[in-house]
Protein backbone atom coordinates (compact mmCIF):
# COMPACT_ATOMS: atom_id res chain seq x y z
CA MET A 1 72.16 -16.01 116.43
CA ASN A 2 75.64 -15.02 115.28
CA ASN A 3 75.67 -17.95 112.87
CA LYS A 4 72.46 -16.76 111.26
CA VAL A 5 73.84 -13.25 110.86
CA THR A 6 77.03 -14.61 109.34
CA GLU A 7 75.12 -16.81 106.85
CA ALA A 8 72.88 -13.91 105.87
CA ALA A 9 75.86 -11.69 105.35
CA GLY A 10 77.50 -14.37 103.22
CA ASP A 11 74.37 -14.74 101.11
CA ALA A 12 74.14 -11.01 100.64
CA LYS A 13 77.75 -10.91 99.55
CA ALA A 14 77.21 -13.65 96.96
CA ALA A 15 73.99 -12.17 95.55
CA PRO A 16 74.32 -10.29 92.26
CA ASP A 17 74.06 -6.53 92.31
CA THR A 18 70.77 -6.03 90.48
CA LYS A 19 70.88 -2.27 91.01
CA ASN A 20 74.08 -1.96 89.00
CA PRO A 21 73.32 -2.35 85.25
CA ASP A 22 76.96 -3.06 84.53
CA ALA A 23 77.15 -5.96 86.98
CA LYS A 24 76.20 -8.59 84.39
CA ASN A 25 78.89 -7.24 82.06
CA SER A 26 81.55 -7.89 84.67
CA VAL A 27 81.33 -11.64 84.02
CA PRO A 28 84.11 -12.56 81.58
CA PRO A 29 82.75 -13.79 78.21
CA GLN A 30 82.97 -17.51 77.58
CA PRO A 31 85.09 -18.51 74.59
CA SER A 32 82.93 -19.61 71.68
CA GLU A 33 83.96 -22.27 69.20
CA GLU A 34 84.75 -20.80 65.80
CA LEU A 35 82.58 -22.41 63.15
CA LEU A 36 84.25 -23.96 60.15
CA ARG A 37 83.57 -22.13 56.87
CA ILE A 38 85.00 -23.54 53.66
CA ARG A 39 84.04 -22.25 50.23
CA TYR A 40 83.66 -24.44 47.16
CA ARG A 41 83.18 -23.33 43.57
CA ILE A 42 80.98 -25.51 41.40
CA ARG A 43 80.54 -25.37 37.65
CA PHE A 44 77.33 -26.84 36.26
CA ALA A 45 75.08 -26.90 33.21
CA LYS A 46 71.44 -25.81 33.32
CA THR A 47 69.61 -27.19 30.29
CA ASP A 48 66.30 -28.55 28.98
CA LEU A 49 63.29 -27.50 31.05
CA LEU A 50 65.49 -25.90 33.70
CA ARG A 51 66.16 -23.01 31.34
CA TRP A 52 62.59 -21.93 32.01
CA ILE A 53 63.06 -21.38 35.75
CA SER A 54 63.96 -17.97 37.15
CA HIS A 55 67.23 -17.19 38.88
CA ARG A 56 65.44 -17.07 42.24
CA ASP A 57 63.97 -20.51 41.65
CA LEU A 58 67.40 -21.78 40.63
CA ALA A 59 68.82 -20.55 43.95
CA ARG A 60 66.05 -22.40 45.82
CA LEU A 61 66.72 -25.52 43.75
CA TRP A 62 70.36 -25.43 44.82
CA GLU A 63 69.45 -25.00 48.49
CA ARG A 64 67.18 -28.06 48.33
CA LEU A 65 69.84 -30.06 46.48
CA LEU A 66 72.46 -29.23 49.12
CA ARG A 67 70.13 -30.34 51.91
CA ARG A 68 69.29 -33.58 50.11
CA ALA A 69 73.03 -34.19 49.85
CA THR A 70 73.14 -33.99 53.69
CA LEU A 71 75.81 -31.30 53.67
CA GLU A 72 76.61 -29.17 56.72
CA LEU A 73 75.91 -25.71 55.35
CA SER A 74 77.46 -22.50 56.62
CA MET A 75 74.59 -20.15 57.43
CA THR A 76 74.30 -16.38 57.42
CA GLU A 77 73.86 -14.59 60.73
CA GLY A 78 70.75 -12.78 61.97
CA PHE A 79 67.16 -13.70 62.75
CA HIS A 80 66.62 -15.52 59.44
CA PRO A 81 69.80 -17.47 58.65
CA LYS A 82 70.16 -18.79 55.13
CA PRO A 83 72.71 -21.03 53.44
CA ARG A 84 75.67 -19.17 51.97
CA VAL A 85 75.04 -19.80 48.27
CA GLY A 86 76.13 -17.25 45.68
CA PHE A 87 76.14 -16.84 41.91
CA PRO A 88 78.55 -14.42 40.21
CA SER A 89 76.08 -13.91 37.36
CA ALA A 90 72.34 -14.51 37.11
CA LEU A 91 71.05 -16.28 34.02
CA ALA A 92 67.92 -14.82 32.46
CA LEU A 93 64.78 -16.87 32.00
CA GLY A 94 64.81 -18.99 28.85
CA ILE A 95 68.60 -19.06 28.42
CA GLU A 96 70.49 -22.32 28.69
CA GLY A 97 73.77 -22.33 30.58
CA LEU A 98 76.45 -24.87 29.70
CA ASP A 99 79.12 -23.60 32.10
CA GLU A 100 77.49 -21.80 35.05
CA VAL A 101 79.09 -21.04 38.41
CA VAL A 102 77.81 -21.25 41.98
CA GLU A 103 79.80 -20.89 45.19
CA ILE A 104 78.74 -22.55 48.45
CA ASP A 105 80.13 -22.32 51.97
CA LEU A 106 80.19 -25.49 54.08
CA ALA A 107 80.65 -25.91 57.81
CA GLU A 108 82.45 -29.19 57.20
CA GLU A 109 85.56 -30.18 55.31
CA LEU A 110 85.05 -32.46 52.35
CA SER A 111 87.37 -33.47 49.56
CA VAL A 112 86.37 -32.08 46.18
CA GLU A 113 85.90 -35.68 44.99
CA ALA A 114 83.46 -36.45 47.81
CA LEU A 115 81.47 -33.26 47.24
CA LEU A 116 81.28 -33.88 43.49
CA LYS A 117 79.91 -37.38 44.10
CA ARG A 118 77.27 -36.21 46.57
CA LEU A 119 76.04 -33.49 44.22
CA ASP A 120 76.11 -35.68 41.13
CA ASP A 121 74.28 -38.51 42.89
CA ASP A 122 71.22 -36.25 43.25
CA GLN A 123 70.53 -36.59 39.51
CA GLN A 124 68.46 -33.41 39.30
CA PRO A 125 66.93 -33.37 35.77
CA GLY A 126 68.46 -30.64 33.62
CA LEU A 127 71.28 -29.96 36.10
CA ASN A 128 74.67 -31.46 35.26
CA ILE A 129 77.57 -31.03 37.70
CA LEU A 130 80.77 -30.36 35.72
CA SER A 131 83.45 -29.67 38.32
CA VAL A 132 84.08 -28.83 41.98
CA CYS A 133 86.93 -26.68 43.30
CA ARG A 134 87.94 -25.86 46.84
CA VAL A 135 88.53 -22.11 47.06
CA PRO A 136 91.76 -21.26 48.91
CA ASP A 137 91.41 -19.16 52.08
CA GLY A 138 91.56 -15.45 51.42
CA THR A 139 90.32 -15.71 47.84
CA PRO A 140 87.69 -13.07 46.97
CA LYS A 141 84.23 -14.20 45.96
CA ALA A 142 83.80 -15.06 42.29
CA ARG A 143 83.29 -12.02 40.06
CA LEU A 144 82.17 -12.17 36.44
CA LEU A 145 84.67 -11.06 33.79
CA ARG A 146 82.78 -11.91 30.60
CA SER A 147 80.09 -14.22 29.25
CA HIS A 148 80.14 -16.21 26.01
CA TYR A 149 76.84 -16.74 24.18
CA SER A 150 75.79 -18.73 21.13
CA VAL A 151 72.59 -18.55 19.09
CA PRO A 152 72.03 -21.28 16.48
CA ILE A 153 71.00 -19.78 13.15
CA PRO A 154 67.86 -21.53 11.83
CA GLU A 155 68.12 -23.27 8.50
CA GLY A 156 67.23 -20.93 5.65
CA PHE A 157 67.81 -17.77 7.71
CA ALA A 158 69.62 -15.09 5.72
CA THR A 159 73.14 -14.94 7.14
CA ALA A 160 73.80 -11.83 5.01
CA GLU A 161 71.26 -9.99 7.18
CA ILE A 162 73.19 -10.99 10.30
CA GLU A 163 76.52 -9.93 8.78
CA THR A 164 75.07 -6.50 7.94
CA ALA A 165 73.69 -6.14 11.47
CA ILE A 166 77.10 -7.03 12.93
CA THR A 167 78.80 -4.35 10.82
CA GLU A 168 76.27 -1.69 11.77
CA ILE A 169 76.28 -2.40 15.52
CA SER A 170 80.08 -2.24 15.57
CA ASP A 171 79.87 1.54 15.05
CA VAL A 172 77.45 2.08 17.93
CA GLU A 173 78.79 3.49 21.20
CA THR A 174 75.68 3.29 23.41
CA LEU A 175 72.29 1.59 23.33
CA GLU A 176 68.98 2.51 24.94
CA VAL A 177 67.44 -0.53 26.64
CA THR A 178 64.40 -1.06 28.84
CA ARG A 179 64.77 -2.27 32.43
CA LYS A 180 61.69 -2.61 34.65
CA ASN A 181 59.62 -0.17 32.59
CA ARG A 182 62.34 2.47 32.42
CA THR A 183 64.88 3.28 29.74
CA ILE A 184 68.58 3.23 30.56
CA THR A 185 71.73 3.80 28.54
CA VAL A 186 74.21 0.95 28.16
CA ASN A 187 77.79 1.39 26.99
CA ALA A 188 77.75 -1.18 24.21
CA ALA A 189 81.16 -0.40 22.74
CA SER A 190 82.98 -1.33 25.96
CA GLN A 191 80.96 -4.51 26.52
CA ILE A 192 80.87 -6.15 23.09
CA ASP A 193 84.15 -8.08 22.98
CA GLN A 194 83.26 -10.31 20.05
CA LEU A 195 80.41 -10.59 17.59
CA LYS A 196 80.62 -12.99 14.65
CA ILE A 197 79.12 -15.93 12.79
CA CYS A 198 80.87 -19.26 13.34
CA ASP A 199 79.73 -22.75 12.30
CA GLY A 200 76.12 -21.73 11.84
CA HIS A 201 75.91 -19.83 15.14
CA LEU A 202 75.84 -16.18 16.10
CA ILE A 203 78.62 -15.81 18.68
CA MET A 204 78.52 -13.02 21.26
CA VAL A 205 81.15 -12.37 23.94
CA LEU A 206 80.05 -9.68 26.39
CA SER A 207 82.16 -8.16 29.15
CA ALA A 208 80.73 -7.46 32.58
CA SER A 209 80.17 -3.85 33.58
CA GLU A 210 80.17 -1.97 36.87
CA ASN A 211 77.02 -0.26 35.67
CA ALA A 212 74.24 -1.75 33.53
CA ASP A 213 75.18 -5.00 31.79
CA LEU A 214 74.28 -5.50 28.15
CA LYS A 215 72.13 -8.62 27.89
CA PRO A 216 72.35 -10.88 24.84
CA THR A 217 68.66 -10.35 24.11
CA ASP A 218 69.23 -6.56 24.25
CA LEU A 219 71.94 -6.91 21.64
CA ILE A 220 69.86 -9.16 19.40
CA SER A 221 66.99 -6.64 19.51
CA ALA A 222 69.33 -3.70 18.85
CA MET A 223 70.65 -5.55 15.79
CA GLY A 224 67.09 -6.00 14.49
CA LEU A 225 67.38 -9.79 14.76
CA ASP A 226 64.42 -10.66 16.98
CA SER A 227 63.26 -12.87 14.11
CA LEU A 228 66.10 -15.23 15.07
CA LEU A 229 64.30 -16.04 18.31
CA THR A 230 60.79 -16.05 16.87
CA ALA A 231 62.03 -18.54 14.26
CA GLY A 232 62.62 -21.04 17.08
CA SER A 233 66.21 -20.34 18.04
CA TYR A 234 67.31 -19.53 21.60
CA VAL A 235 70.28 -18.12 23.46
CA VAL A 236 72.84 -20.42 25.11
CA ARG A 237 75.52 -19.21 27.49
CA THR A 238 78.43 -21.46 26.65
CA ARG A 239 81.02 -20.13 29.08
CA VAL A 240 81.34 -17.97 32.19
CA GLU A 241 84.75 -16.31 32.62
CA LEU A 242 85.71 -15.11 36.09
CA GLU A 243 88.18 -12.44 37.12
CA GLN A 244 90.14 -14.92 39.20
CA THR A 245 90.44 -18.55 38.15
CA LEU A 246 91.52 -21.51 40.26
CA GLY A 247 94.32 -23.85 39.28
CA PRO A 248 93.75 -27.54 38.52
CA GLU A 249 95.32 -28.49 41.86
CA HIS A 250 92.18 -27.13 43.57
CA CYS A 251 89.63 -28.82 41.33
CA VAL A 252 88.21 -32.11 40.18
CA LEU A 253 86.38 -32.59 36.88
CA LYS A 254 83.49 -34.93 36.34
CA GLU A 255 84.61 -37.85 34.19
């Protein structure tokens, strides 16, 4: 009889206190393994038919490419985790990009040479991998500084008309542009870094803005040169400049 009482008392002592809501919190938390998270910066070209896909579709294309390359992706937290893939600047529909930037976070450590090979082996039509850099720890995410654009001038197009438009737009401080069916004011004077004709191309260098960015097509329209595009020409972004660049010791270029 005494043994039974002793066993019952022991069981009662070991049982959790369900009436105390803080009882479960008294168990010390178990140490969790910190997941690896390494960021890589990739420069690539988006040409041919790929210039006709939207920025959202381009992001999906990159997610599929990374999975086909069997990479261990670092995922966002929450109920719907997604791969950590970021672009410092979206490219508008119809514009080719010869030097675009995407940053990805991996949950594995790869050499830049190995990552470049895996990405390049995918052979996605219209997507050309140019370089891969490993971003040093503590480096901020890539931020756009300025974009370089080029528009080939069709044969027979009056370059004098373009020169006049360049002179006139140089005196303009602000422009009214349409965004999603509403008109906004863009500070053109602070964003137009360079505007000239060079080797049969209209060259535009536009700085990024904390407010509304001036798009190359906005500038072409404001200059009264929409006929450039209707004549069969199109805009090409030739270079993306970032606020913080990485040294060659962090990167590998495609041969």
